[in-house]
């Protein structure tokens, strides 16, 4: 009887040992798989910032500089929409050089210009937030300018002067500087990192300013742009219907297709610009709100979150890199002036 019990006890211990060994092997295999996935995700994140960033920087800086050169040939100081396009181009260049260039240098050369000094920390944060918000509101000014021109042409002639436009641009500049000025006393270098200086400022940045930023940067500008674009489309439609009914039938038959095509292209451009603006700015703003409340302790989830952050942030930067395209792709005069810069003879 004793021998039987000992045998059963030995078998039970052996089974338990095999079970524990199998479980340990399974955990080790799963842990190894997680390490490999984390390493892959980290490589993807580094690849995105190292190779996608310089493309967006080169395209954006070159395109916006070309826009400024073309608008100079078109004498932008005489027309408010062209003046706003110049301000927009300069602002977008600032965003790319202050924000995106910093990430490229950090991932490609492991040098973070934001942590070089206390001053660089404060200035870099202030400039990137201000420039992004300023770009959004310059877009709003352009939509308001077109809204007035299409719906209230006589009022537009009295209101949309260069002097008043410059004043509005200056007022926006001062307001946004005031909103973002807090970075100069809430942030600084702590343990080699650019971070909030104390718990109070940290809570303000994580749970208050993140909502202020999403409203100023994307939510409110897009809402204004969307509503005004609807009125612009309706005004253009009425205008073309009136012209179609008032011209001679033979002329109408020759030009109706051109008018219809122009209206479709203009409407498509406005709607596409508004949609792209929303898609490129809102997701990253929502991510920052999500990041304020959700913190992961394991490396795998943090790596996944870092890749999502990289994709969303680069998508937002593409808005500043390609912004000039949406306002010039349908403008034949702009294209002809651009050809002149490169030595090509204009048509006609």
C-alpha atoms as a PDB file:
ATOM      1  CA  UNK A   1       0.000   0.000   0.000  1.00  0.00           C
ATOM      2  CA  UNK A   2       2.830   2.372   0.897  1.00  0.00           C
ATOM      3  CA  UNK A   3       4.578   1.560  -2.360  1.00  0.00           C
ATOM      4  CA  UNK A   4       1.435   2.383  -4.350  1.00  0.00           C
ATOM      5  CA  UNK A   5       1.020   5.731  -2.592  1.00  0.00           C
ATOM      6  CA  UNK A   6       4.651   6.632  -3.198  1.00  0.00           C
ATOM      7  CA  UNK A   7       4.255   5.751  -6.848  1.00  0.00           C
ATOM      8  CA  UNK A   8       1.150   7.915  -7.145  1.00  0.00           C
ATOM      9  CA  UNK A   9       2.906  10.764  -5.358  1.00  0.00           C
ATOM     10  CA  UNK A  10       5.882  10.498  -7.685  1.00  0.00           C
ATOM     11  CA  UNK A  11       3.605  10.455 -10.744  1.00  0.00           C
ATOM     12  CA  UNK A  12       1.721  13.500  -9.440  1.00  0.00           C
ATOM     13  CA  UNK A  13       4.947  15.428  -8.900  1.00  0.00           C
ATOM     14  CA  UNK A  14       6.147  14.419 -12.326  1.00  0.00           C
ATOM     15  CA  UNK A  15       2.925  15.613 -13.955  1.00  0.00           C
ATOM     16  CA  UNK A  16       3.088  18.867 -12.040  1.00  0.00           C
ATOM     17  CA  UNK A  17       6.705  19.325 -13.105  1.00  0.00           C
ATOM     18  CA  UNK A  18       5.821  18.689 -16.743  1.00  0.00           C
ATOM     19  CA  UNK A  19       2.883  21.109 -16.497  1.00  0.00           C
ATOM     20  CA  UNK A  20       5.062  23.846 -14.975  1.00  0.00           C
ATOM     21  CA  UNK A  21       7.758  23.248 -17.576  1.00  0.00           C
ATOM     22  CA  UNK A  22       5.211  23.474 -20.394  1.00  0.00           C
ATOM     23  CA  UNK A  23       3.743  26.685 -18.944  1.00  0.00           C
ATOM     24  CA  UNK A  24       7.189  28.219 -18.529  1.00  0.00           C
ATOM     25  CA  UNK A  25       8.098  27.312 -22.097  1.00  0.00           C
ATOM     26  CA  UNK A  26       4.836  28.845 -23.322  1.00  0.00           C
ATOM     27  CA  UNK A  27       5.447  32.060 -21.358  1.00  0.00           C
ATOM     28  CA  UNK A  28       9.023  32.241 -22.616  1.00  0.00           C
ATOM     29  CA  UNK A  29       7.842  31.744 -26.205  1.00  0.00           C
ATOM     30  CA  UNK A  30       5.156  34.417 -25.810  1.00  0.00           C
ATOM     31  CA  UNK A  31       7.640  36.797 -24.205  1.00  0.00           C
ATOM     32  CA  UNK A  32      10.108  36.205 -27.028  1.00  0.00           C
ATOM     33  CA  UNK A  33       7.356  36.868 -29.579  1.00  0.00           C
ATOM     34  CA  UNK A  34       6.434  40.117 -27.797  1.00  0.00           C
ATOM     35  CA  UNK A  35      10.066  41.241 -27.789  1.00  0.00           C
ATOM     36  CA  UNK A  36      10.299  40.585 -31.534  1.00  0.00           C
ATOM     37  CA  UNK A  37       7.068  42.508 -32.171  1.00  0.00           C
ATOM     38  CA  UNK A  38       8.241  45.434 -30.043  1.00  0.00           C
ATOM     39  CA  UNK A  39      11.530  45.492 -31.948  1.00  0.00           C
ATOM     40  CA  UNK A  40       9.657  45.466 -35.284  1.00  0.00           C
ATOM     41  CA  UNK A  41       7.335  48.258 -34.198  1.00  0.00           C
ATOM     42  CA  UNK A  42      10.270  50.363 -33.000  1.00  0.00           C
ATOM     43  CA  UNK A  43      11.949  49.853 -36.372  1.00  0.00           C
ATOM     44  CA  UNK A  44       8.779  50.920 -38.187  1.00  0.00           C
ATOM     45  CA  UNK A  45       8.538  54.065 -36.075  1.00  0.00           C
ATOM     46  CA  UNK A  46      12.187  54.939 -36.725  1.00  0.00           C
ATOM     47  CA  UNK A  47      11.799  54.245 -40.449  1.00  0.00           C
ATOM     48  CA  UNK A  48       8.789  56.530 -40.745  1.00  0.00           C
ATOM     49  CA  UNK A  49      10.521  59.497 -39.135  1.00  0.00           C
ATOM     50  CA  UNK A  50      13.889  58.883 -40.796  1.00  0.00           C
ATOM     51  CA  UNK A  51      12.711  58.477 -44.403  1.00  0.00           C
ATOM     52  CA  UNK A  52       9.236  60.018 -44.694  1.00  0.00           C
ATOM     53  CA  UNK A  53      10.091  63.238 -42.826  1.00  0.00           C
ATOM     54  CA  UNK A  54      12.785  64.517 -45.249  1.00  0.00           C
ATOM     55  CA  UNK A  55      10.450  63.931 -48.207  1.00  0.00           C
ATOM     56  CA  UNK A  56       7.706  66.047 -46.612  1.00  0.00           C
ATOM     57  CA  UNK A  57      10.246  68.710 -45.613  1.00  0.00           C
ATOM     58  CA  UNK A  58      11.771  68.993 -49.083  1.00  0.00           C
ATOM     59  CA  UNK A  59       8.417  68.994 -50.874  1.00  0.00           C
ATOM     60  CA  UNK A  60       6.868  71.438 -48.413  1.00  0.00           C
ATOM     61  CA  UNK A  61       9.725  73.934 -48.214  1.00  0.00           C
ATOM     62  CA  UNK A  62      10.343  73.886 -51.977  1.00  0.00           C
ATOM     63  CA  UNK A  63       6.632  74.104 -52.800  1.00  0.00           C
ATOM     64  CA  UNK A  64       5.925  76.949 -50.405  1.00  0.00           C
ATOM     65  CA  UNK A  65       9.031  78.881 -51.527  1.00  0.00           C
ATOM     66  CA  UNK A  66       7.871  78.414 -55.123  1.00  0.00           C
ATOM     67  CA  UNK A  67       4.440  79.695 -54.131  1.00  0.00           C
ATOM     68  CA  UNK A  68       5.974  82.829 -52.611  1.00  0.00           C
ATOM     69  CA  UNK A  69       8.047  83.432 -55.753  1.00  0.00           C
ATOM     70  CA  UNK A  70       5.013  83.003 -58.016  1.00  0.00           C
ATOM     71  CA  UNK A  71       2.795  85.197 -55.829  1.00  0.00           C
ATOM     72  CA  UNK A  72       5.492  87.864 -55.919  1.00  0.00           C
ATOM     73  CA  UNK A  73       5.291  87.841 -59.724  1.00  0.00           C
ATOM     74  CA  UNK A  74       1.523  88.155 -59.367  1.00  0.00           C
ATOM     75  CA  UNK A  75       2.043  91.202 -57.066  1.00  0.00           C
ATOM     76  CA  UNK A  76       0.461  89.706 -53.958  1.00  0.00           C
ATOM     77  CA  UNK A  77       0.580  93.047 -52.121  1.00  0.00           C
ATOM     78  CA  UNK A  78      -2.277  94.293 -54.309  1.00  0.00           C
ATOM     79  CA  UNK A  79      -4.817  91.520 -53.633  1.00  0.00           C
ATOM     80  CA  UNK A  80      -5.889  90.172 -50.265  1.00  0.00           C
ATOM     81  CA  UNK A  81      -6.228  86.469 -51.243  1.00  0.00           C
ATOM     82  CA  UNK A  82      -2.693  86.439 -52.630  1.00  0.00           C
ATOM     83  CA  UNK A  83      -1.371  88.178 -49.524  1.00  0.00           C
ATOM     84  CA  UNK A  84      -3.025  85.534 -47.326  1.00  0.00           C
ATOM     85  CA  UNK A  85      -1.459  82.799 -49.446  1.00  0.00           C
ATOM     86  CA  UNK A  86       1.987  84.304 -48.822  1.00  0.00           C
ATOM     87  CA  UNK A  87       1.364  84.403 -45.052  1.00  0.00           C
ATOM     88  CA  UNK A  88       0.131  80.810 -45.214  1.00  0.00           C
ATOM     89  CA  UNK A  89       3.224  79.662 -47.111  1.00  0.00           C
ATOM     90  CA  UNK A  90       5.586  81.334 -44.616  1.00  0.00           C
ATOM     91  CA  UNK A  91       3.677  79.826 -41.687  1.00  0.00           C
ATOM     92  CA  UNK A  92       3.746  76.334 -43.195  1.00  0.00           C
ATOM     93  CA  UNK A  93       7.500  76.581 -43.774  1.00  0.00           C
ATOM     94  CA  UNK A  94       7.881  77.522 -40.103  1.00  0.00           C
ATOM     95  CA  UNK A  95       5.872  74.453 -39.031  1.00  0.00           C
ATOM     96  CA  UNK A  96       8.001  72.125 -41.145  1.00  0.00           C
ATOM     97  CA  UNK A  97      11.344  73.569 -40.063  1.00  0.00           C
ATOM     98  CA  UNK A  98      10.501  73.912 -36.365  1.00  0.00           C
ATOM     99  CA  UNK A  99       8.508  70.726 -35.903  1.00  0.00           C
ATOM    100  CA  UNK A 100       9.135  68.093 -38.540  1.00  0.00           C
ATOM    101  CA  UNK A 101      12.836  68.898 -38.961  1.00  0.00           C
ATOM    102  CA  UNK A 102      13.326  68.403 -35.224  1.00  0.00           C
ATOM    103  CA  UNK A 103      11.887  64.870 -35.370  1.00  0.00           C
ATOM    104  CA  UNK A 104      13.988  63.950 -38.398  1.00  0.00           C
ATOM    105  CA  UNK A 105      17.211  65.105 -36.699  1.00  0.00           C
ATOM    106  CA  UNK A 106      16.212  63.268 -33.523  1.00  0.00           C
ATOM    107  CA  UNK A 107      15.562  59.922 -35.228  1.00  0.00           C
ATOM    108  CA  UNK A 108      18.302  60.150 -37.864  1.00  0.00           C
ATOM    109  CA  UNK A 109      21.135  61.547 -35.704  1.00  0.00           C
ATOM    110  CA  UNK A 110      19.802  61.012 -32.136  1.00  0.00           C
ATOM    111  CA  UNK A 111      20.029  64.734 -31.379  1.00  0.00           C
ATOM    112  CA  UNK A 112      16.953  66.437 -29.934  1.00  0.00           C
ATOM    113  CA  UNK A 113      17.267  70.176 -30.536  1.00  0.00           C
ATOM    114  CA  UNK A 114      14.446  70.763 -28.032  1.00  0.00           C
ATOM    115  CA  UNK A 115      16.624  69.501 -25.153  1.00  0.00           C
ATOM    116  CA  UNK A 116      19.804  71.390 -26.057  1.00  0.00           C
ATOM    117  CA  UNK A 117      18.971  74.152 -23.582  1.00  0.00           C
ATOM    118  CA  UNK A 118      16.166  75.567 -21.485  1.00  0.00           C
ATOM    119  CA  UNK A 119      15.610  78.294 -24.094  1.00  0.00           C
ATOM    120  CA  UNK A 120      15.404  75.825 -26.994  1.00  0.00           C
ATOM    121  CA  UNK A 121      12.799  73.822 -25.048  1.00  0.00           C
ATOM    122  CA  UNK A 122      10.551  76.822 -24.496  1.00  0.00           C
ATOM    123  CA  UNK A 123      10.998  78.382 -27.956  1.00  0.00           C
ATOM    124  CA  UNK A 124      10.513  75.154 -29.885  1.00  0.00           C
ATOM    125  CA  UNK A 125       7.282  74.325 -28.050  1.00  0.00           C
ATOM    126  CA  UNK A 126       5.905  77.829 -28.423  1.00  0.00           C
ATOM    127  CA  UNK A 127       6.723  78.159 -32.127  1.00  0.00           C
ATOM    128  CA  UNK A 128       5.304  74.789 -33.186  1.00  0.00           C
ATOM    129  CA  UNK A 129       1.980  75.265 -31.383  1.00  0.00           C
ATOM    130  CA  UNK A 130       1.652  78.862 -32.520  1.00  0.00           C
ATOM    131  CA  UNK A 131       2.567  78.171 -36.172  1.00  0.00           C
ATOM    132  CA  UNK A 132       0.138  75.257 -36.496  1.00  0.00           C
ATOM    133  CA  UNK A 133      -2.728  77.269 -35.026  1.00  0.00           C
ATOM    134  CA  UNK A 134      -1.838  80.338 -37.079  1.00  0.00           C
ATOM    135  CA  UNK A 135      -1.867  78.278 -40.289  1.00  0.00           C
ATOM    136  CA  UNK A 136      -5.381  77.036 -39.464  1.00  0.00           C
ATOM    137  CA  UNK A 137      -6.723  80.532 -38.972  1.00  0.00           C
ATOM    138  CA  UNK A 138      -5.069  81.909 -42.105  1.00  0.00           C
ATOM    139  CA  UNK A 139      -7.026  79.232 -43.955  1.00  0.00           C
ATOM    140  CA  UNK A 140     -10.162  80.484 -42.225  1.00  0.00           C
ATOM    141  CA  UNK A 141      -9.359  84.035 -43.349  1.00  0.00           C
ATOM    142  CA  UNK A 142      -9.042  82.829 -46.937  1.00  0.00           C
ATOM    143  CA  UNK A 143     -12.436  81.119 -46.781  1.00  0.00           C
ATOM    144  CA  UNK A 144     -14.016  84.237 -45.257  1.00  0.00           C
ATOM    145  CA  UNK A 145     -12.460  86.331 -48.028  1.00  0.00           C
ATOM    146  CA  UNK A 146     -14.008  84.081 -50.695  1.00  0.00           C
ATOM    147  CA  UNK A 147     -17.333  83.977 -48.835  1.00  0.00           C
ATOM    148  CA  UNK A 148     -17.589  87.770 -48.847  1.00  0.00           C
ATOM    149  CA  UNK A 149     -16.548  88.000 -52.483  1.00  0.00           C
ATOM    150  CA  UNK A 150     -19.147  85.485 -53.710  1.00  0.00           C
ATOM    151  CA  UNK A 151     -22.064  86.426 -51.437  1.00  0.00           C
ATOM    152  CA  UNK A 152     -21.538  90.164 -50.808  1.00  0.00           C
ATOM    153  CA  UNK A 153     -19.463  91.507 -53.722  1.00  0.00           C
ATOM    154  CA  UNK A 154     -20.226  95.190 -53.061  1.00  0.00           C
ATOM    155  CA  UNK A 155     -19.454  94.843 -49.342  1.00  0.00           C
ATOM    156  CA  UNK A 156     -16.300  92.951 -50.270  1.00  0.00           C
ATOM    157  CA  UNK A 157     -14.991  95.905 -52.275  1.00  0.00           C
ATOM    158  CA  UNK A 158     -15.235  98.129 -49.179  1.00  0.00           C
ATOM    159  CA  UNK A 159     -14.190  95.619 -46.520  1.00  0.00           C
ATOM    160  CA  UNK A 160     -11.495  93.444 -48.110  1.00  0.00           C
ATOM    161  CA  UNK A 161      -8.739  96.026 -48.318  1.00  0.00           C
ATOM    162  CA  UNK A 162      -5.058  95.291 -47.793  1.00  0.00           C
ATOM    163  CA  UNK A 163      -4.956  97.553 -44.751  1.00  0.00           C
ATOM    164  CA  UNK A 164      -7.828  95.761 -43.023  1.00  0.00           C
ATOM    165  CA  UNK A 165      -6.516  92.333 -44.002  1.00  0.00           C
ATOM    166  CA  UNK A 166      -3.104  93.133 -42.534  1.00  0.00           C
ATOM    167  CA  UNK A 167      -4.807  94.333 -39.358  1.00  0.00           C
ATOM    168  CA  UNK A 168      -6.797  91.083 -39.049  1.00  0.00           C
ATOM    169  CA  UNK A 169      -3.668  89.005 -39.615  1.00  0.00           C
ATOM    170  CA  UNK A 170      -1.866  91.021 -36.933  1.00  0.00           C
ATOM    171  CA  UNK A 171      -4.744  90.643 -34.448  1.00  0.00           C
ATOM    172  CA  UNK A 172      -4.775  86.862 -34.990  1.00  0.00           C
ATOM    173  CA  UNK A 173      -1.017  86.845 -34.458  1.00  0.00           C
ATOM    174  CA  UNK A 174      -1.314  88.662 -31.125  1.00  0.00           C
ATOM    175  CA  UNK A 175      -4.217  86.500 -29.870  1.00  0.00           C
ATOM    176  CA  UNK A 176      -2.448  83.215 -30.626  1.00  0.00           C
ATOM    177  CA  UNK A 177       0.809  84.466 -29.106  1.00  0.00           C
ATOM    178  CA  UNK A 178      -1.136  85.219 -25.924  1.00  0.00           C
ATOM    179  CA  UNK A 179      -2.692  81.735 -25.895  1.00  0.00           C
ATOM    180  CA  UNK A 180       0.636  79.923 -26.346  1.00  0.00           C
ATOM    181  CA  UNK A 181       2.855  82.236 -24.318  1.00  0.00           C
ATOM    182  CA  UNK A 182       2.477  80.025 -21.226  1.00  0.00           C
ATOM    183  CA  UNK A 183       5.117  77.614 -22.589  1.00  0.00           C
ATOM    184  CA  UNK A 184       7.817  80.085 -21.537  1.00  0.00           C
ATOM    185  CA  UNK A 185       7.079  79.558 -17.822  1.00  0.00           C
ATOM    186  CA  UNK A 186       5.324  76.163 -17.697  1.00  0.00           C
ATOM    187  CA  UNK A 187       8.016  74.137 -19.485  1.00  0.00           C
ATOM    188  CA  UNK A 188      11.757  73.675 -19.150  1.00  0.00           C
ATOM    189  CA  UNK A 189      14.559  71.122 -18.928  1.00  0.00           C
ATOM    190  CA  UNK A 190      14.095  68.524 -16.147  1.00  0.00           C
ATOM    191  CA  UNK A 191      16.499  65.569 -15.941  1.00  0.00           C
ATOM    192  CA  UNK A 192      17.587  66.181 -19.524  1.00  0.00           C
ATOM    193  CA  UNK A 193      14.028  66.231 -20.881  1.00  0.00           C
ATOM    194  CA  UNK A 194      11.819  69.122 -22.019  1.00  0.00           C
ATOM    195  CA  UNK A 195       8.823  68.758 -19.712  1.00  0.00           C
ATOM    196  CA  UNK A 196       6.369  70.560 -17.442  1.00  0.00           C
ATOM    197  CA  UNK A 197       8.147  72.197 -14.517  1.00  0.00           C
ATOM    198  CA  UNK A 198       5.746  70.994 -11.799  1.00  0.00           C
ATOM    199  CA  UNK A 199       2.626  68.932 -11.204  1.00  0.00           C
ATOM    200  CA  UNK A 200       0.287  71.916 -11.556  1.00  0.00           C
ATOM    201  CA  UNK A 201       1.636  72.792 -14.991  1.00  0.00           C
ATOM    202  CA  UNK A 202       1.589  69.117 -15.960  1.00  0.00           C
ATOM    203  CA  UNK A 203      -2.124  68.823 -15.159  1.00  0.00           C
ATOM    204  CA  UNK A 204      -2.812  72.024 -17.098  1.00  0.00           C
ATOM    205  CA  UNK A 205      -0.986  70.725 -20.164  1.00  0.00           C
ATOM    206  CA  UNK A 206      -2.416  67.204 -20.027  1.00  0.00           C
ATOM    207  CA  UNK A 207      -6.048  67.912 -19.132  1.00  0.00           C
ATOM    208  CA  UNK A 208      -6.778  71.573 -20.013  1.00  0.00           C
ATOM    209  CA  UNK A 209      -4.571  72.927 -22.783  1.00  0.00           C
ATOM    210  CA  UNK A 210      -4.994  69.785 -24.885  1.00  0.00           C
ATOM    211  CA  UNK A 211      -8.688  70.683 -25.286  1.00  0.00           C
ATOM    212  CA  UNK A 212      -7.892  74.333 -25.961  1.00  0.00           C
ATOM    213  CA  UNK A 213      -5.474  73.259 -28.676  1.00  0.00           C
ATOM    214  CA  UNK A 214      -7.906  70.921 -30.443  1.00  0.00           C
ATOM    215  CA  UNK A 215     -10.573  73.649 -30.534  1.00  0.00           C
ATOM    216  CA  UNK A 216      -8.213  76.356 -31.831  1.00  0.00           C
ATOM    217  CA  UNK A 217      -6.200  74.126 -34.152  1.00  0.00           C
ATOM    218  CA  UNK A 218      -8.892  72.069 -35.872  1.00  0.00           C
ATOM    219  CA  UNK A 219     -12.434  71.922 -34.485  1.00  0.00           C
ATOM    220  CA  UNK A 220     -13.471  75.586 -34.684  1.00  0.00           C
ATOM    221  CA  UNK A 221     -11.587  76.406 -37.936  1.00  0.00           C
ATOM    222  CA  UNK A 222     -13.058  73.393 -39.690  1.00  0.00           C
ATOM    223  CA  UNK A 223     -16.600  74.191 -38.518  1.00  0.00           C
ATOM    224  CA  UNK A 224     -16.277  77.741 -39.876  1.00  0.00           C
ATOM    225  CA  UNK A 225     -14.750  76.527 -43.137  1.00  0.00           C
ATOM    226  CA  UNK A 226     -17.438  73.895 -43.660  1.00  0.00           C
ATOM    227  CA  UNK A 227     -20.351  76.320 -43.111  1.00  0.00           C
ATOM    228  CA  UNK A 228     -18.865  79.044 -45.324  1.00  0.00           C
ATOM    229  CA  UNK A 229     -18.030  76.563 -48.087  1.00  0.00           C
ATOM    230  CA  UNK A 230     -21.713  75.620 -48.276  1.00  0.00           C
ATOM    231  CA  UNK A 231     -22.651  79.278 -48.781  1.00  0.00           C
ATOM    232  CA  UNK A 232     -19.858  79.719 -51.327  1.00  0.00           C
ATOM    233  CA  UNK A 233     -21.078  76.753 -53.341  1.00  0.00           C
ATOM    234  CA  UNK A 234     -24.663  78.023 -53.313  1.00  0.00           C
ATOM    235  CA  UNK A 235     -23.575  81.503 -54.405  1.00  0.00           C
ATOM    236  CA  UNK A 236     -21.453  80.131 -57.261  1.00  0.00           C
ATOM    237  CA  UNK A 237     -24.318  77.917 -58.386  1.00  0.00           C
ATOM    238  CA  UNK A 238     -26.754  80.868 -58.464  1.00  0.00           C
ATOM    239  CA  UNK A 239     -24.183  83.000 -60.263  1.00  0.00           C
ATOM    240  CA  UNK A 240     -23.603  80.463 -63.021  1.00  0.00           C
ATOM    241  CA  UNK A 241     -27.327  79.788 -63.414  1.00  0.00           C
ATOM    242  CA  UNK A 242     -27.948  83.508 -63.840  1.00  0.00           C
ATOM    243  CA  UNK A 243     -25.171  83.852 -66.429  1.00  0.00           C
ATOM    244  CA  UNK A 244     -26.379  80.792 -68.298  1.00  0.00           C
ATOM    245  CA  UNK A 245     -29.889  82.234 -68.553  1.00  0.00           C
ATOM    246  CA  UNK A 246     -28.806  85.742 -69.572  1.00  0.00           C
ATOM    247  CA  UNK A 247     -26.292  85.073 -72.376  1.00  0.00           C
ATOM    248  CA  UNK A 248     -27.095  84.338 -75.990  1.00  0.00           C
ATOM    249  CA  UNK A 249     -27.941  80.717 -76.601  1.00  0.00           C
ATOM    250  CA  UNK A 250     -25.069  80.149 -79.063  1.00  0.00           C
ATOM    251  CA  UNK A 251     -22.491  81.517 -76.645  1.00  0.00           C
ATOM    252  CA  UNK A 252     -24.109  79.631 -73.826  1.00  0.00           C
ATOM    253  CA  UNK A 253     -23.857  76.371 -75.707  1.00  0.00           C
ATOM    254  CA  UNK A 254     -20.146  76.948 -76.332  1.00  0.00           C
ATOM    255  CA  UNK A 255     -19.236  77.941 -72.792  1.00  0.00           C
ATOM    256  CA  UNK A 256     -21.686  76.054 -70.636  1.00  0.00           C
ATOM    257  CA  UNK A 257     -19.385  73.070 -70.420  1.00  0.00           C
ATOM    258  CA  UNK A 258     -16.471  75.251 -69.307  1.00  0.00           C
ATOM    259  CA  UNK A 259     -18.552  76.949 -66.627  1.00  0.00           C
ATOM    260  CA  UNK A 260     -19.891  73.656 -65.334  1.00  0.00           C
ATOM    261  CA  UNK A 261     -16.401  72.193 -65.259  1.00  0.00           C
ATOM    262  CA  UNK A 262     -15.010  75.245 -63.474  1.00  0.00           C
ATOM    263  CA  UNK A 263     -17.748  75.121 -60.850  1.00  0.00           C
ATOM    264  CA  UNK A 264     -17.151  71.418 -60.215  1.00  0.00           C
ATOM    265  CA  UNK A 265     -13.390  71.906 -59.891  1.00  0.00           C
ATOM    266  CA  UNK A 266     -13.734  74.864 -57.557  1.00  0.00           C
ATOM    267  CA  UNK A 267     -16.267  73.101 -55.359  1.00  0.00           C
ATOM    268  CA  UNK A 268     -14.161  69.935 -55.329  1.00  0.00           C
ATOM    269  CA  UNK A 269     -11.088  71.918 -54.307  1.00  0.00           C
ATOM    270  CA  UNK A 270     -12.865  73.684 -51.436  1.00  0.00           C
ATOM    271  CA  UNK A 271     -14.495  70.538 -50.112  1.00  0.00           C
ATOM    272  CA  UNK A 272     -11.328  68.491 -50.502  1.00  0.00           C
ATOM    273  CA  UNK A 273      -9.258  71.098 -48.702  1.00  0.00           C
ATOM    274  CA  UNK A 274     -11.695  71.235 -45.801  1.00  0.00           C
ATOM    275  CA  UNK A 275     -11.908  67.443 -45.610  1.00  0.00           C
ATOM    276  CA  UNK A 276      -8.128  67.029 -45.762  1.00  0.00           C
ATOM    277  CA  UNK A 277      -7.693  69.712 -43.127  1.00  0.00           C
ATOM    278  CA  UNK A 278     -10.087  67.836 -40.828  1.00  0.00           C
ATOM    279  CA  UNK A 279      -8.590  64.411 -41.498  1.00  0.00           C
ATOM    280  CA  UNK A 280      -5.023  65.576 -40.939  1.00  0.00           C
ATOM    281  CA  UNK A 281      -5.472  67.668 -37.791  1.00  0.00           C
ATOM    282  CA  UNK A 282      -8.309  66.152 -35.744  1.00  0.00           C
ATOM    283  CA  UNK A 283      -6.945  62.564 -35.333  1.00  0.00           C
ATOM    284  CA  UNK A 284      -3.645  63.643 -33.773  1.00  0.00           C
ATOM    285  CA  UNK A 285      -5.459  66.091 -31.486  1.00  0.00           C
ATOM    286  CA  UNK A 286      -7.794  63.295 -30.353  1.00  0.00           C
ATOM    287  CA  UNK A 287      -4.741  61.073 -29.841  1.00  0.00           C
ATOM    288  CA  UNK A 288      -3.194  63.627 -27.474  1.00  0.00           C
ATOM    289  CA  UNK A 289      -6.418  63.600 -25.414  1.00  0.00           C
ATOM    290  CA  UNK A 290      -6.361  59.790 -25.406  1.00  0.00           C
ATOM    291  CA  UNK A 291      -2.705  59.786 -24.382  1.00  0.00           C
ATOM    292  CA  UNK A 292      -3.477  62.061 -21.424  1.00  0.00           C
ATOM    293  CA  UNK A 293      -5.771  59.470 -19.859  1.00  0.00           C
ATOM    294  CA  UNK A 294      -4.494  56.086 -21.091  1.00  0.00           C
ATOM    295  CA  UNK A 295      -1.065  54.957 -19.906  1.00  0.00           C
ATOM    296  CA  UNK A 296       0.366  51.509 -20.619  1.00  0.00           C
ATOM    297  CA  UNK A 297       3.012  49.784 -18.504  1.00  0.00           C
ATOM    298  CA  UNK A 298       3.993  47.043 -20.974  1.00  0.00           C
ATOM    299  CA  UNK A 299       6.390  47.669 -23.850  1.00  0.00           C
ATOM    300  CA  UNK A 300       4.203  46.101 -26.534  1.00  0.00           C
ATOM    301  CA  UNK A 301       1.224  48.431 -26.115  1.00  0.00           C
ATOM    302  CA  UNK A 302       3.533  51.428 -25.781  1.00  0.00           C
ATOM    303  CA  UNK A 303       5.269  50.453 -29.024  1.00  0.00           C
ATOM    304  CA  UNK A 304       1.924  50.135 -30.811  1.00  0.00           C
ATOM    305  CA  UNK A 305       0.894  53.520 -29.480  1.00  0.00           C
ATOM    306  CA  UNK A 306       4.166  55.085 -30.658  1.00  0.00           C
ATOM    307  CA  UNK A 307       3.617  53.803 -34.208  1.00  0.00           C
ATOM    308  CA  UNK A 308       0.057  55.153 -34.210  1.00  0.00           C
ATOM    309  CA  UNK A 309       1.380  58.507 -32.980  1.00  0.00           C
ATOM    310  CA  UNK A 310       4.020  58.577 -35.724  1.00  0.00           C
ATOM    311  CA  UNK A 311       1.523  57.851 -38.503  1.00  0.00           C
ATOM    312  CA  UNK A 312      -0.993  60.434 -37.265  1.00  0.00           C
ATOM    313  CA  UNK A 313       1.627  63.121 -36.671  1.00  0.00           C
ATOM    314  CA  UNK A 314       3.230  62.662 -40.106  1.00  0.00           C
ATOM    315  CA  UNK A 315      -0.233  62.791 -41.644  1.00  0.00           C
ATOM    316  CA  UNK A 316      -0.805  66.119 -39.924  1.00  0.00           C
ATOM    317  CA  UNK A 317       2.525  67.455 -41.186  1.00  0.00           C
ATOM    318  CA  UNK A 318       1.530  66.479 -44.727  1.00  0.00           C
ATOM    319  CA  UNK A 319      -1.173  69.149 -44.475  1.00  0.00           C
ATOM    320  CA  UNK A 320       1.520  71.819 -44.108  1.00  0.00           C
ATOM    321  CA  UNK A 321       3.723  70.192 -46.720  1.00  0.00           C
ATOM    322  CA  UNK A 322       1.012  69.961 -49.390  1.00  0.00           C
ATOM    323  CA  UNK A 323      -1.193  72.872 -48.386  1.00  0.00           C
ATOM    324  CA  UNK A 324      -0.071  75.044 -51.303  1.00  0.00           C
ATOM    325  CA  UNK A 325      -1.087  72.336 -53.783  1.00  0.00           C
ATOM    326  CA  UNK A 326      -4.780  72.492 -52.987  1.00  0.00           C
ATOM    327  CA  UNK A 327      -4.895  76.265 -53.638  1.00  0.00           C
ATOM    328  CA  UNK A 328      -2.823  76.244 -56.839  1.00  0.00           C
ATOM    329  CA  UNK A 329      -3.593  72.967 -58.642  1.00  0.00           C
ATOM    330  CA  UNK A 330      -6.696  74.464 -60.251  1.00  0.00           C
ATOM    331  CA  UNK A 331      -5.210  77.919 -60.910  1.00  0.00           C
ATOM    332  CA  UNK A 332      -4.015  78.215 -64.511  1.00  0.00           C
ATOM    333  CA  UNK A 333      -2.463  81.651 -63.921  1.00  0.00           C
ATOM    334  CA  UNK A 334      -0.355  80.273 -61.089  1.00  0.00           C
ATOM    335  CA  UNK A 335       0.853  77.395 -63.229  1.00  0.00           C
ATOM    336  CA  UNK A 336       1.829  79.721 -66.055  1.00  0.00           C
ATOM    337  CA  UNK A 337       3.722  82.012 -63.672  1.00  0.00           C
ATOM    338  CA  UNK A 338       5.508  78.993 -62.210  1.00  0.00           C
ATOM    339  CA  UNK A 339       6.590  77.963 -65.712  1.00  0.00           C
ATOM    340  CA  UNK A 340       7.980  81.457 -66.267  1.00  0.00           C
ATOM    341  CA  UNK A 341      10.180  81.089 -63.193  1.00  0.00           C
ATOM    342  CA  UNK A 342      11.734  77.938 -64.681  1.00  0.00           C
ATOM    343  CA  UNK A 343      12.241  79.609 -68.052  1.00  0.00           C
ATOM    344  CA  UNK A 344       9.256  78.254 -69.957  1.00  0.00           C
ATOM    345  CA  UNK A 345       7.321  80.645 -72.185  1.00  0.00           C
ATOM    346  CA  UNK A 346       3.718  81.217 -71.133  1.00  0.00           C
ATOM    347  CA  UNK A 347       0.898  80.198 -73.437  1.00  0.00           C
ATOM    348  CA  UNK A 348      -0.948  82.953 -75.303  1.00  0.00           C
END
